[in-house]
């Protein structure tokens, strides 16, 4: 049972160490905040919403 403790805590420590190394290597260039969409993304989203709206009314009630 002692080896299970080492596996558990070793895995947990490895996750923290790897995440710290990735943080250093990427130099914190990433952000968890949602970024603004580009004009092309906004236009594609609007087109997809229009297309979904069209197909909802084509088949009628059933």
PDB file of N, CA and C in Angstrom:
ATOM      1  N   UNK A   1       0.819  -1.203   0.000  1.00  0.00           N
ATOM      2  CA  UNK A   1       0.000   0.000   0.000  1.00  0.00           C
ATOM      3  C   UNK A   1       0.860   1.263   0.000  1.00  0.00           C
ATOM      4  N   UNK A   2       2.058   1.127   0.461  1.00  0.00           N
ATOM      5  CA  UNK A   2       2.943   2.283   0.515  1.00  0.00           C
ATOM      6  C   UNK A   2       3.286   2.767  -0.899  1.00  0.00           C
ATOM      7  N   UNK A   3       3.410   1.837  -1.834  1.00  0.00           N
ATOM      8  CA  UNK A   3       3.752   2.213  -3.205  1.00  0.00           C
ATOM      9  C   UNK A   3       2.618   2.972  -3.876  1.00  0.00           C
ATOM     10  N   UNK A   4       1.374   2.735  -3.456  1.00  0.00           N
ATOM     11  CA  UNK A   4       0.240   3.464  -4.025  1.00  0.00           C
ATOM     12  C   UNK A   4       0.311   4.943  -3.656  1.00  0.00           C
ATOM     13  N   UNK A   5       0.766   5.215  -2.436  1.00  0.00           N
ATOM     14  CA  UNK A   5       0.915   6.599  -2.014  1.00  0.00           C
ATOM     15  C   UNK A   5       1.967   7.305  -2.872  1.00  0.00           C
ATOM     16  N   UNK A   6       3.080   6.610  -3.154  1.00  0.00           N
ATOM     17  CA  UNK A   6       4.143   7.200  -3.968  1.00  0.00           C
ATOM     18  C   UNK A   6       3.660   7.455  -5.397  1.00  0.00           C
ATOM     19  N   UNK A   7       2.871   6.536  -5.931  1.00  0.00           N
ATOM     20  CA  UNK A   7       2.338   6.735  -7.284  1.00  0.00           C
ATOM     21  C   UNK A   7       1.398   7.938  -7.312  1.00  0.00           C
ATOM     22  N   UNK A   8       0.514   8.028  -6.318  1.00  0.00           N
ATOM     23  CA  UNK A   8      -0.450   9.131  -6.271  1.00  0.00           C
ATOM     24  C   UNK A   8       0.257  10.469  -6.151  1.00  0.00           C
ATOM     25  N   UNK A   9       1.100  10.625  -5.133  1.00  0.00           N
ATOM     26  CA  UNK A   9       1.763  11.909  -4.917  1.00  0.00           C
ATOM     27  C   UNK A   9       2.787  12.203  -6.005  1.00  0.00           C
ATOM     28  N   UNK A  10       3.412  11.171  -6.560  1.00  0.00           N
ATOM     29  CA  UNK A  10       4.347  11.379  -7.660  1.00  0.00           C
ATOM     30  C   UNK A  10       3.654  11.890  -8.909  1.00  0.00           C
ATOM     31  N   UNK A  11       2.475  11.330  -9.196  1.00  0.00           N
ATOM     32  CA  UNK A  11       1.704  11.788 -10.348  1.00  0.00           C
ATOM     33  C   UNK A  11       1.242  13.227 -10.156  1.00  0.00           C
ATOM     34  N   UNK A  12       0.783  13.538  -8.961  1.00  0.00           N
ATOM     35  CA  UNK A  12       0.339  14.895  -8.672  1.00  0.00           C
ATOM     36  C   UNK A  12       1.494  15.883  -8.798  1.00  0.00           C
ATOM     37  N   UNK A  13       2.660  15.530  -8.260  1.00  0.00           N
ATOM     38  CA  UNK A  13       3.835  16.398  -8.363  1.00  0.00           C
ATOM     39  C   UNK A  13       4.270  16.550  -9.814  1.00  0.00           C
ATOM     40  N   UNK A  14       4.203  15.472 -10.589  1.00  0.00           N
ATOM     41  CA  UNK A  14       4.600  15.531 -11.995  1.00  0.00           C
ATOM     42  C   UNK A  14       3.694  16.477 -12.778  1.00  0.00           C
ATOM     43  N   UNK A  15       2.402  16.459 -12.490  1.00  0.00           N
ATOM     44  CA  UNK A  15       1.469  17.356 -13.177  1.00  0.00           C
ATOM     45  C   UNK A  15       1.827  18.813 -12.890  1.00  0.00           C
ATOM     46  N   UNK A  16       2.108  19.125 -11.622  1.00  0.00           N
ATOM     47  CA  UNK A  16       2.459  20.497 -11.270  1.00  0.00           C
ATOM     48  C   UNK A  16       3.787  20.912 -11.889  1.00  0.00           C
ATOM     49  N   UNK A  17       4.762  20.031 -11.884  1.00  0.00           N
ATOM     50  CA  UNK A  17       6.075  20.358 -12.452  1.00  0.00           C
ATOM     51  C   UNK A  17       5.972  20.552 -13.962  1.00  0.00           C
ATOM     52  N   UNK A  18       5.248  19.674 -14.642  1.00  0.00           N
ATOM     53  CA  UNK A  18       5.090  19.808 -16.089  1.00  0.00           C
ATOM     54  C   UNK A  18       4.345  21.089 -16.441  1.00  0.00           C
ATOM     55  N   UNK A  19       3.305  21.424 -15.687  1.00  0.00           N
ATOM     56  CA  UNK A  19       2.571  22.655 -15.978  1.00  0.00           C
ATOM     57  C   UNK A  19       3.452  23.883 -15.739  1.00  0.00           C
ATOM     58  N   UNK A  20       4.312  23.824 -14.739  1.00  0.00           N
ATOM     59  CA  UNK A  20       5.230  24.933 -14.476  1.00  0.00           C
ATOM     60  C   UNK A  20       6.245  25.070 -15.608  1.00  0.00           C
ATOM     61  N   UNK A  21       6.768  23.965 -16.098  1.00  0.00           N
ATOM     62  CA  UNK A  21       7.733  24.001 -17.201  1.00  0.00           C
ATOM     63  C   UNK A  21       7.072  24.529 -18.473  1.00  0.00           C
ATOM     64  N   UNK A  22       5.858  24.086 -18.756  1.00  0.00           N
ATOM     65  CA  UNK A  22       5.134  24.584 -19.928  1.00  0.00           C
ATOM     66  C   UNK A  22       4.890  26.085 -19.788  1.00  0.00           C
ATOM     67  N   UNK A  23       4.567  26.531 -18.596  1.00  0.00           N
ATOM     68  CA  UNK A  23       4.360  27.950 -18.341  1.00  0.00           C
ATOM     69  C   UNK A  23       5.632  28.749 -18.628  1.00  0.00           C
ATOM     70  N   UNK A  24       6.766  28.224 -18.236  1.00  0.00           N
ATOM     71  CA  UNK A  24       8.037  28.915 -18.486  1.00  0.00           C
ATOM     72  C   UNK A  24       8.381  28.888 -19.973  1.00  0.00           C
ATOM     73  N   UNK A  25       8.206  27.746 -20.614  1.00  0.00           N
ATOM     74  CA  UNK A  25       8.570  27.614 -22.029  1.00  0.00           C
ATOM     75  C   UNK A  25       7.716  28.525 -22.910  1.00  0.00           C
ATOM     76  N   UNK A  26       6.425  28.611 -22.627  1.00  0.00           N
ATOM     77  CA  UNK A  26       5.545  29.457 -23.440  1.00  0.00           C
ATOM     78  C   UNK A  26       5.616  30.918 -23.022  1.00  0.00           C
ATOM     79  N   UNK A  27       6.327  31.209 -21.949  1.00  0.00           N
ATOM     80  CA  UNK A  27       6.515  32.584 -21.445  1.00  0.00           C
ATOM     81  C   UNK A  27       5.182  33.289 -21.202  1.00  0.00           C
ATOM     82  N   UNK A  28       4.208  32.524 -20.733  1.00  0.00           N
ATOM     83  CA  UNK A  28       2.882  33.050 -20.370  1.00  0.00           C
ATOM     84  C   UNK A  28       2.240  33.847 -21.495  1.00  0.00           C
ATOM     85  N   UNK A  29       2.375  33.360 -22.737  1.00  0.00           N
ATOM     86  CA  UNK A  29       1.818  34.062 -23.880  1.00  0.00           C
ATOM     87  C   UNK A  29       0.338  33.761 -24.082  1.00  0.00           C
ATOM     88  N   UNK A  30      -0.200  32.832 -23.332  1.00  0.00           N
ATOM     89  CA  UNK A  30      -1.598  32.468 -23.495  1.00  0.00           C
ATOM     90  C   UNK A  30      -2.450  33.198 -22.463  1.00  0.00           C
ATOM     91  N   UNK A  31      -3.725  33.306 -22.755  1.00  0.00           N
ATOM     92  CA  UNK A  31      -4.651  33.991 -21.861  1.00  0.00           C
ATOM     93  C   UNK A  31      -5.927  33.167 -21.766  1.00  0.00           C
ATOM     94  N   UNK A  32      -6.498  33.094 -20.579  1.00  0.00           N
ATOM     95  CA  UNK A  32      -7.740  32.352 -20.396  1.00  0.00           C
ATOM     96  C   UNK A  32      -8.964  33.204 -20.736  1.00  0.00           C
ATOM     97  N   UNK A  33      -8.760  34.500 -20.980  1.00  0.00           N
ATOM     98  CA  UNK A  33      -9.879  35.378 -21.311  1.00  0.00           C
ATOM     99  C   UNK A  33     -10.325  35.151 -22.748  1.00  0.00           C
ATOM    100  N   UNK A  34     -11.623  35.303 -22.988  1.00  0.00           N
ATOM    101  CA  UNK A  34     -12.133  35.123 -24.341  1.00  0.00           C
ATOM    102  C   UNK A  34     -11.724  36.327 -25.183  1.00  0.00           C
ATOM    103  N   UNK A  35     -11.144  36.039 -26.343  1.00  0.00           N
ATOM    104  CA  UNK A  35     -10.704  37.111 -27.219  1.00  0.00           C
ATOM    105  C   UNK A  35     -11.833  37.521 -28.153  1.00  0.00           C
ATOM    106  N   UNK A  36     -11.747  38.760 -28.654  1.00  0.00           N
ATOM    107  CA  UNK A  36     -12.746  39.240 -29.594  1.00  0.00           C
ATOM    108  C   UNK A  36     -12.627  38.491 -30.911  1.00  0.00           C
ATOM    109  N   UNK A  37     -13.768  38.259 -31.529  1.00  0.00           N
ATOM    110  CA  UNK A  37     -13.781  37.593 -32.827  1.00  0.00           C
ATOM    111  C   UNK A  37     -13.344  38.554 -33.920  1.00  0.00           C
ATOM    112  N   UNK A  38     -12.779  38.006 -34.975  1.00  0.00           N
ATOM    113  CA  UNK A  38     -12.455  38.817 -36.139  1.00  0.00           C
ATOM    114  C   UNK A  38     -13.728  39.068 -36.927  1.00  0.00           C
ATOM    115  N   UNK A  39     -13.650  39.964 -37.887  1.00  0.00           N
ATOM    116  CA  UNK A  39     -14.818  40.277 -38.717  1.00  0.00           C
ATOM    117  C   UNK A  39     -15.281  39.046 -39.478  1.00  0.00           C
ATOM    118  N   UNK A  40     -14.328  38.257 -39.965  1.00  0.00           N
ATOM    119  CA  UNK A  40     -14.678  37.049 -40.706  1.00  0.00           C
ATOM    120  C   UNK A  40     -15.410  36.053 -39.813  1.00  0.00           C
ATOM    121  N   UNK A  41     -14.990  35.908 -38.553  1.00  0.00           N
ATOM    122  CA  UNK A  41     -15.668  35.003 -37.629  1.00  0.00           C
ATOM    123  C   UNK A  41     -17.073  35.494 -37.322  1.00  0.00           C
ATOM    124  N   UNK A  42     -17.238  36.803 -37.152  1.00  0.00           N
ATOM    125  CA  UNK A  42     -18.560  37.359 -36.881  1.00  0.00           C
ATOM    126  C   UNK A  42     -19.505  37.142 -38.064  1.00  0.00           C
ATOM    127  N   UNK A  43     -18.990  37.335 -39.275  1.00  0.00           N
ATOM    128  CA  UNK A  43     -19.818  37.126 -40.461  1.00  0.00           C
ATOM    129  C   UNK A  43     -20.195  35.661 -40.613  1.00  0.00           C
ATOM    130  N   UNK A  44     -19.270  34.746 -40.341  1.00  0.00           N
ATOM    131  CA  UNK A  44     -19.571  33.317 -40.445  1.00  0.00           C
ATOM    132  C   UNK A  44     -20.615  32.903 -39.414  1.00  0.00           C
ATOM    133  N   UNK A  45     -20.525  33.454 -38.219  1.00  0.00           N
ATOM    134  CA  UNK A  45     -21.508  33.123 -37.188  1.00  0.00           C
ATOM    135  C   UNK A  45     -22.891  33.638 -37.565  1.00  0.00           C
ATOM    136  N   UNK A  46     -22.948  34.858 -38.108  1.00  0.00           N
ATOM    137  CA  UNK A  46     -24.238  35.417 -38.520  1.00  0.00           C
ATOM    138  C   UNK A  46     -24.846  34.589 -39.653  1.00  0.00           C
ATOM    139  N   UNK A  47     -24.013  34.160 -40.608  1.00  0.00           N
ATOM    140  CA  UNK A  47     -24.507  33.332 -41.714  1.00  0.00           C
ATOM    141  C   UNK A  47     -25.022  31.990 -41.203  1.00  0.00           C
ATOM    142  N   UNK A  48     -24.326  31.398 -40.245  1.00  0.00           N
ATOM    143  CA  UNK A  48     -24.757  30.111 -39.694  1.00  0.00           C
ATOM    144  C   UNK A  48     -26.087  30.261 -38.958  1.00  0.00           C
ATOM    145  N   UNK A  49     -26.259  31.369 -38.251  1.00  0.00           N
ATOM    146  CA  UNK A  49     -27.531  31.595 -37.549  1.00  0.00           C
ATOM    147  C   UNK A  49     -28.683  31.791 -38.544  1.00  0.00           C
ATOM    148  N   UNK A  50     -28.418  32.527 -39.633  1.00  0.00           N
ATOM    149  CA  UNK A  50     -29.457  32.716 -40.643  1.00  0.00           C
ATOM    150  C   UNK A  50     -29.823  31.388 -41.293  1.00  0.00           C
ATOM    151  N   UNK A  51     -28.804  30.595 -41.603  1.00  0.00           N
ATOM    152  CA  UNK A  51     -29.049  29.305 -42.245  1.00  0.00           C
ATOM    153  C   UNK A  51     -29.829  28.379 -41.316  1.00  0.00           C
ATOM    154  N   UNK A  52     -29.504  28.389 -40.036  1.00  0.00           N
ATOM    155  CA  UNK A  52     -30.242  27.560 -39.076  1.00  0.00           C
ATOM    156  C   UNK A  52     -31.683  28.035 -38.964  1.00  0.00           C
ATOM    157  N   UNK A  53     -31.892  29.334 -39.024  1.00  0.00           N
ATOM    158  CA  UNK A  53     -33.238  29.874 -38.960  1.00  0.00           C
ATOM    159  C   UNK A  53     -34.078  29.481 -40.158  1.00  0.00           C
ATOM    160  N   UNK A  54     -33.448  29.430 -41.332  1.00  0.00           N
ATOM    161  CA  UNK A  54     -34.170  29.032 -42.541  1.00  0.00           C
ATOM    162  C   UNK A  54     -34.632  27.582 -42.458  1.00  0.00           C
ATOM    163  N   UNK A  55     -33.739  26.709 -42.027  1.00  0.00           N
ATOM    164  CA  UNK A  55     -34.088  25.291 -42.040  1.00  0.00           C
ATOM    165  C   UNK A  55     -35.079  24.934 -40.937  1.00  0.00           C
ATOM    166  N   UNK A  56     -35.217  25.756 -39.927  1.00  0.00           N
ATOM    167  CA  UNK A  56     -36.191  25.479 -38.878  1.00  0.00           C
ATOM    168  C   UNK A  56     -37.622  25.628 -39.370  1.00  0.00           C
ATOM    169  N   UNK A  57     -37.843  26.502 -40.359  1.00  0.00           N
ATOM    170  CA  UNK A  57     -39.204  26.798 -40.805  1.00  0.00           C
ATOM    171  C   UNK A  57     -39.589  26.073 -42.088  1.00  0.00           C
ATOM    172  N   UNK A  58     -38.663  25.336 -42.669  1.00  0.00           N
ATOM    173  CA  UNK A  58     -38.957  24.685 -43.945  1.00  0.00           C
ATOM    174  C   UNK A  58     -39.866  23.479 -43.790  1.00  0.00           C
ATOM    175  N   UNK A  59     -39.715  22.733 -42.711  1.00  0.00           N
ATOM    176  CA  UNK A  59     -40.433  21.475 -42.592  1.00  0.00           C
ATOM    177  C   UNK A  59     -41.811  21.623 -41.952  1.00  0.00           C
ATOM    178  N   UNK A  60     -42.176  22.769 -41.550  1.00  0.00           N
ATOM    179  CA  UNK A  60     -43.485  22.961 -40.960  1.00  0.00           C
ATOM    180  C   UNK A  60     -43.528  22.572 -39.491  1.00  0.00           C
ATOM    181  N   UNK A  61     -44.722  22.227 -39.031  1.00  0.00           N
ATOM    182  CA  UNK A  61     -44.895  21.974 -37.614  1.00  0.00           C
ATOM    183  C   UNK A  61     -44.298  20.653 -37.188  1.00  0.00           C
ATOM    184  N   UNK A  62     -44.351  19.650 -38.054  1.00  0.00           N
ATOM    185  CA  UNK A  62     -43.831  18.332 -37.695  1.00  0.00           C
ATOM    186  C   UNK A  62     -42.642  18.042 -38.548  1.00  0.00           C
TER     187      UNK A  62
END
